[in-house]
C-alpha atoms as a PDB file:
ATOM      1  CA  MET A   1      -3.323 206.413-110.682  1.00  0.00           C
ATOM      2  CA  SER A   2      -5.719 206.170-107.797  1.00  0.00           C
ATOM      3  CA  ASP A   3      -5.382 204.417-104.435  1.00  0.00           C
ATOM      4  CA  LYS A   4      -7.799 201.733-105.652  1.00  0.00           C
ATOM      5  CA  LYS A   5      -5.670 201.037-108.720  1.00  0.00           C
ATOM      6  CA  PHE A   6      -2.481 200.616-106.690  1.00  0.00           C
ATOM      7  CA  MET A   7      -4.281 198.521-104.078  1.00  0.00           C
ATOM      8  CA  SER A   8      -5.432 196.275-106.926  1.00  0.00           C
ATOM      9  CA  GLU A   9      -1.767 195.779-107.750  1.00  0.00           C
ATOM     10  CA  ALA A  10      -1.047 194.880-104.112  1.00  0.00           C
ATOM     11  CA  LEU A  11      -3.924 192.378-104.306  1.00  0.00           C
ATOM     12  CA  LYS A  12      -2.207 190.735-107.290  1.00  0.00           C
ATOM     13  CA  GLU A  13       0.779 190.178-104.999  1.00  0.00           C
ATOM     14  CA  ALA A  14      -1.494 188.769-102.273  1.00  0.00           C
ATOM     15  CA  LYS A  15      -2.890 186.293-104.811  1.00  0.00           C
ATOM     16  CA  LYS A  16       0.651 185.136-105.589  1.00  0.00           C
ATOM     17  CA  ALA A  17       1.168 184.453-101.875  1.00  0.00           C
ATOM     18  CA  TYR A  18      -2.159 182.589-101.725  1.00  0.00           C
ATOM     19  CA  ARG A  19      -1.128 180.284-104.583  1.00  0.00           C
ATOM     20  CA  LYS A  20       2.129 179.554-102.710  1.00  0.00           C
ATOM     21  CA  LYS A  21       0.212 178.729 -99.493  1.00  0.00           C
ATOM     22  CA  GLU A  22       1.613 181.834 -97.788  1.00  0.00           C
ATOM     23  CA  VAL A  23      -0.640 184.161 -95.800  1.00  0.00           C
ATOM     24  CA  PRO A  24      -2.018 186.263 -98.677  1.00  0.00           C
ATOM     25  CA  VAL A  25      -0.672 189.736 -98.042  1.00  0.00           C
ATOM     26  CA  GLY A  26       0.729 191.857-100.839  1.00  0.00           C
ATOM     27  CA  ALA A  27       2.404 195.244-101.025  1.00  0.00           C
ATOM     28  CA  VAL A  28       3.586 197.720-103.627  1.00  0.00           C
ATOM     29  CA  ALA A  29       5.750 200.827-103.286  1.00  0.00           C
ATOM     30  CA  VAL A  30       4.795 203.835-105.385  1.00  0.00           C
ATOM     31  CA  LEU A  31       6.804 206.938-106.217  1.00  0.00           C
ATOM     32  CA  GLU A  32       5.475 209.659-108.519  1.00  0.00           C
ATOM     33  CA  ASP A  33       2.545 207.465-109.632  1.00  0.00           C
ATOM     34  CA  LYS A  34       4.842 204.585-110.639  1.00  0.00           C
ATOM     35  CA  ILE A  35       5.277 201.242-108.932  1.00  0.00           C
ATOM     36  CA  ILE A  36       8.924 200.893-107.951  1.00  0.00           C
ATOM     37  CA  ALA A  37       8.664 197.660-105.942  1.00  0.00           C
ATOM     38  CA  ARG A  38       6.300 194.732-105.360  1.00  0.00           C
ATOM     39  CA  ALA A  39       6.299 191.943-102.816  1.00  0.00           C
ATOM     40  CA  HIS A  40       4.161 189.377-101.050  1.00  0.00           C
ATOM     41  CA  ASN A  41       4.568 187.331 -97.900  1.00  0.00           C
ATOM     42  CA  LYS A  42       7.373 184.744 -98.124  1.00  0.00           C
ATOM     43  CA  ARG A  43       7.774 183.594 -94.524  1.00  0.00           C
ATOM     44  CA  GLU A  44       7.284 179.919 -95.382  1.00  0.00           C
ATOM     45  CA  ASP A  45       9.340 180.037 -98.570  1.00  0.00           C
ATOM     46  CA  LEU A  46      12.292 181.866 -97.023  1.00  0.00           C
ATOM     47  CA  ILE A  47      11.912 180.293 -93.565  1.00  0.00           C
ATOM     48  CA  ASP A  48      12.093 183.839 -92.238  1.00  0.00           C
ATOM     49  CA  PRO A  49       9.661 185.315 -89.720  1.00  0.00           C
ATOM     50  CA  THR A  50      10.500 188.823 -90.974  1.00  0.00           C
ATOM     51  CA  ALA A  51       9.617 188.085 -94.613  1.00  0.00           C
ATOM     52  CA  HIS A  52       6.373 190.057 -94.519  1.00  0.00           C
ATOM     53  CA  ALA A  53       5.177 191.708 -97.726  1.00  0.00           C
ATOM     54  CA  GLU A  54       5.823 195.221 -96.396  1.00  0.00           C
ATOM     55  CA  ILE A  55       9.376 194.462 -95.242  1.00  0.00           C
ATOM     56  CA  LEU A  56      10.283 192.839 -98.559  1.00  0.00           C
ATOM     57  CA  CYS A  57       8.712 195.724-100.472  1.00  0.00           C
ATOM     58  CA  ILE A  58      10.614 198.318 -98.423  1.00  0.00           C
ATOM     59  CA  LYS A  59      13.895 196.492 -99.105  1.00  0.00           C
ATOM     60  CA  LYS A  60      13.229 196.334-102.848  1.00  0.00           C
ATOM     61  CA  ALA A  61      12.238 200.009-102.988  1.00  0.00           C
ATOM     62  CA  ALA A  62      15.359 201.081-101.094  1.00  0.00           C
ATOM     63  CA  LYS A  63      17.530 199.056-103.436  1.00  0.00           C
ATOM     64  CA  LYS A  64      15.788 200.536-106.482  1.00  0.00           C
ATOM     65  CA  LEU A  65      16.237 204.086-105.171  1.00  0.00           C
ATOM     66  CA  GLY A  66      19.791 203.511-103.972  1.00  0.00           C
ATOM     67  CA  GLY A  67      19.133 204.612-100.401  1.00  0.00           C
ATOM     68  CA  TRP A  68      17.173 203.687 -97.314  1.00  0.00           C
ATOM     69  CA  ARG A  69      15.158 206.911 -97.040  1.00  0.00           C
ATOM     70  CA  LEU A  70      11.875 206.373 -98.830  1.00  0.00           C
ATOM     71  CA  ASN A  71      10.693 209.988 -98.667  1.00  0.00           C
ATOM     72  CA  LYS A  72       7.773 210.631-101.033  1.00  0.00           C
ATOM     73  CA  VAL A  73       7.072 206.869-101.316  1.00  0.00           C
ATOM     74  CA  THR A  74       3.639 205.442-100.632  1.00  0.00           C
ATOM     75  CA  ILE A  75       3.341 201.817 -99.556  1.00  0.00           C
ATOM     76  CA  TYR A  76       0.119 199.984-100.372  1.00  0.00           C
ATOM     77  CA  SER A  77      -0.535 196.891 -98.261  1.00  0.00           C
ATOM     78  CA  THR A  78      -3.560 194.636 -98.378  1.00  0.00           C
ATOM     79  CA  LEU A  79      -3.459 194.197 -94.586  1.00  0.00           C
ATOM     80  CA  GLU A  80      -2.883 196.618 -91.730  1.00  0.00           C
ATOM     81  CA  PRO A  81       0.825 196.310 -90.883  1.00  0.00           C
ATOM     82  CA  CYS A  82       2.002 194.608 -87.704  1.00  0.00           C
ATOM     83  CA  SER A  83       4.288 196.401 -85.241  1.00  0.00           C
ATOM     84  CA  MET A  84       7.438 195.164 -86.996  1.00  0.00           C
ATOM     85  CA  CYS A  85       6.272 196.440 -90.382  1.00  0.00           C
ATOM     86  CA  ALA A  86       4.878 199.704 -89.008  1.00  0.00           C
ATOM     87  CA  GLY A  87       8.212 200.335 -87.281  1.00  0.00           C
ATOM     88  CA  ALA A  88      10.057 199.616 -90.517  1.00  0.00           C
ATOM     89  CA  LEU A  89       7.828 202.099 -92.372  1.00  0.00           C
ATOM     90  CA  VAL A  90       8.734 204.783 -89.829  1.00  0.00           C
ATOM     91  CA  HIS A  91      12.454 203.984 -89.959  1.00  0.00           C
ATOM     92  CA  ALA A  92      12.412 203.985 -93.781  1.00  0.00           C
ATOM     93  CA  ARG A  93      10.821 207.463 -93.678  1.00  0.00           C
ATOM     94  CA  VAL A  94       7.908 206.304 -95.872  1.00  0.00           C
ATOM     95  CA  ASP A  95       5.648 209.261 -96.583  1.00  0.00           C
ATOM     96  CA  ARG A  96       2.326 207.445 -96.696  1.00  0.00           C
ATOM     97  CA  LEU A  97       0.743 204.055 -96.017  1.00  0.00           C
ATOM     98  CA  VAL A  98      -2.472 202.885 -97.658  1.00  0.00           C
ATOM     99  CA  TYR A  99      -3.932 199.606 -96.452  1.00  0.00           C
ATOM    100  CA  GLY A 100      -6.984 197.491 -97.124  1.00  0.00           C
ATOM    101  CA  ALA A 101      -8.154 195.214 -94.306  1.00  0.00           C
ATOM    102  CA  ASP A 102      -7.807 195.888 -90.606  1.00  0.00           C
ATOM    103  CA  ASP A 103      -5.909 193.305 -88.549  1.00  0.00           C
ATOM    104  CA  PRO A 104      -7.734 192.979 -85.213  1.00  0.00           C
ATOM    105  CA  ARG A 105      -5.096 190.559 -83.863  1.00  0.00           C
ATOM    106  CA  ALA A 106      -1.808 192.237 -84.762  1.00  0.00           C
ATOM    107  CA  GLY A 107      -2.529 195.550 -86.491  1.00  0.00           C
ATOM    108  CA  ALA A 108      -0.275 198.393 -85.427  1.00  0.00           C
ATOM    109  CA  CYS A 109      -2.077 201.276 -87.133  1.00  0.00           C
ATOM    110  CA  GLY A 110      -4.869 201.482 -84.583  1.00  0.00           C
ATOM    111  CA  SER A 111      -6.389 198.003 -84.273  1.00  0.00           C
ATOM    112  CA  VAL A 112      -4.112 196.687 -81.491  1.00  0.00           C
ATOM    113  CA  LEU A 113      -1.395 199.340 -81.321  1.00  0.00           C
ATOM    114  CA  ASN A 114      -0.880 202.645 -83.078  1.00  0.00           C
ATOM    115  CA  ILE A 115       2.812 202.955 -83.882  1.00  0.00           C
ATOM    116  CA  PHE A 116       2.210 205.943 -86.151  1.00  0.00           C
ATOM    117  CA  GLY A 117       0.379 207.832 -83.429  1.00  0.00           C
ATOM    118  CA  HIS A 118       3.280 207.757 -80.980  1.00  0.00           C
ATOM    119  CA  LYS A 119       4.207 211.371 -80.267  1.00  0.00           C
ATOM    120  CA  LEU A 120       7.909 210.719 -79.610  1.00  0.00           C
ATOM    121  CA  LEU A 121       8.735 209.202 -82.994  1.00  0.00           C
ATOM    122  CA  ASN A 122      10.794 211.438 -85.236  1.00  0.00           C
ATOM    123  CA  HIS A 123       8.852 210.602 -88.421  1.00  0.00           C
ATOM    124  CA  LYS A 124       5.126 210.637 -89.074  1.00  0.00           C
ATOM    125  CA  VAL A 125       3.594 208.357 -91.700  1.00  0.00           C
ATOM    126  CA  LYS A 126       0.284 209.494 -93.189  1.00  0.00           C
ATOM    127  CA  VAL A 127      -2.272 206.644 -93.186  1.00  0.00           C
ATOM    128  CA  THR A 128      -5.268 205.913 -95.400  1.00  0.00           C
ATOM    129  CA  LYS A 129      -7.361 202.934 -94.294  1.00  0.00           C
ATOM    130  CA  ALA A 130      -9.949 200.601 -95.808  1.00  0.00           C
ATOM    131  CA  VAL A 131      -9.074 200.922 -99.515  1.00  0.00           C
ATOM    132  CA  LEU A 132     -10.646 197.869-101.213  1.00  0.00           C
ATOM    133  CA  LYS A 133     -11.292 196.583 -97.698  1.00  0.00           C
ATOM    134  CA  GLU A 134     -13.733 193.851 -98.762  1.00  0.00           C
ATOM    135  CA  GLU A 135     -11.436 192.416-101.435  1.00  0.00           C
ATOM    136  CA  CYS A 136      -8.384 192.549 -99.173  1.00  0.00           C
ATOM    137  CA  GLY A 137     -10.215 190.967 -96.264  1.00  0.00           C
ATOM    138  CA  GLY A 138     -11.935 188.422 -98.479  1.00  0.00           C
ATOM    139  CA  ILE A 139      -8.763 186.753 -99.716  1.00  0.00           C
ATOM    140  CA  LEU A 140      -7.550 186.405 -96.113  1.00  0.00           C
ATOM    141  CA  LYS A 141     -10.875 184.925 -94.976  1.00  0.00           C
ATOM    142  CA  ARG A 142     -10.840 182.389 -97.835  1.00  0.00           C
ATOM    143  CA  PHE A 143      -7.243 181.434 -97.063  1.00  0.00           C
ATOM    144  CA  PHE A 144      -7.828 180.862 -93.351  1.00  0.00           C
ATOM    145  CA  LYS A 145     -11.142 179.079 -93.939  1.00  0.00           C
ATOM    146  CA  LYS A 146      -9.406 176.719 -96.347  1.00  0.00           C
ATOM    147  CA  LEU A 147      -6.500 176.292 -93.917  1.00  0.00           C
ATOM    148  CA  ARG A 148      -8.822 175.497 -90.994  1.00  0.00           C
ATOM    149  CA  ARG A 149     -10.756 173.013 -93.139  1.00  0.00           C
ATOM    150  CA  GLY A 150      -7.455 171.322 -94.060  1.00  0.00           C
ATOM    151  CA  VAL A 151      -6.399 171.151 -90.415  1.00  0.00           C
ATOM    152  CA  ARG A 152      -9.725 169.588 -89.425  1.00  0.00           C
ATOM    153  CA  VAL A 153      -9.416 166.979 -92.149  1.00  0.00           C
ATOM    154  CA  ALA A 154      -5.867 166.158 -91.041  1.00  0.00           C
ATOM    155  CA  GLU A 155      -6.931 165.935 -87.389  1.00  0.00           C
ATOM    156  CA  GLY A 156      -9.876 163.694 -88.333  1.00  0.00           C
ATOM    157  CA  ALA A 157      -7.615 161.418 -90.366  1.00  0.00           C
ATOM    158  CA  ARG A 158      -5.290 161.032 -87.381  1.00  0.00           C
ATOM    159  CA  LEU A 159      -8.200 160.239 -85.099  1.00  0.00           C
ATOM    160  CA  GLU A 160      -9.527 157.598 -87.484  1.00  0.00           C
ATOM    161  CA  SER A 161      -6.137 155.922 -87.880  1.00  0.00           C
ATOM    162  CA  ALA A 162      -5.428 155.880 -84.116  1.00  0.00           C
END
């Protein structure tokens, strides 16, 4: 399968998060052209600030493989990982990361920080950026636009009732 095909699968996970009113980020783990794990953001559902799609996907992949070293695994994420997730990818020894949309506020693959570019780390993750960038960014834009509209309505209702 191609990077676009696997990113489409990660987008399916992001859509699940969207329907659950979670920030719509999805991830899949791939080994030898087969998906071995899938996840989407569950921070609200699990009341867990670490329940990012990438972290949950890494955990599922490790469990499936019976070990924490994810050598030869590629993680597909719809959004550029944050520093926590990028660090977890390094520590899990993930071979490659493919992501869709850049995250100009928290991205740790070059947008804000570049965890993978740090010369002292003992593992290097190969990175491919901007796969299905428009689709991955679009679902996030729709989510936050809808969220902001909902906040404005709620604020307006409070103002009217005061």
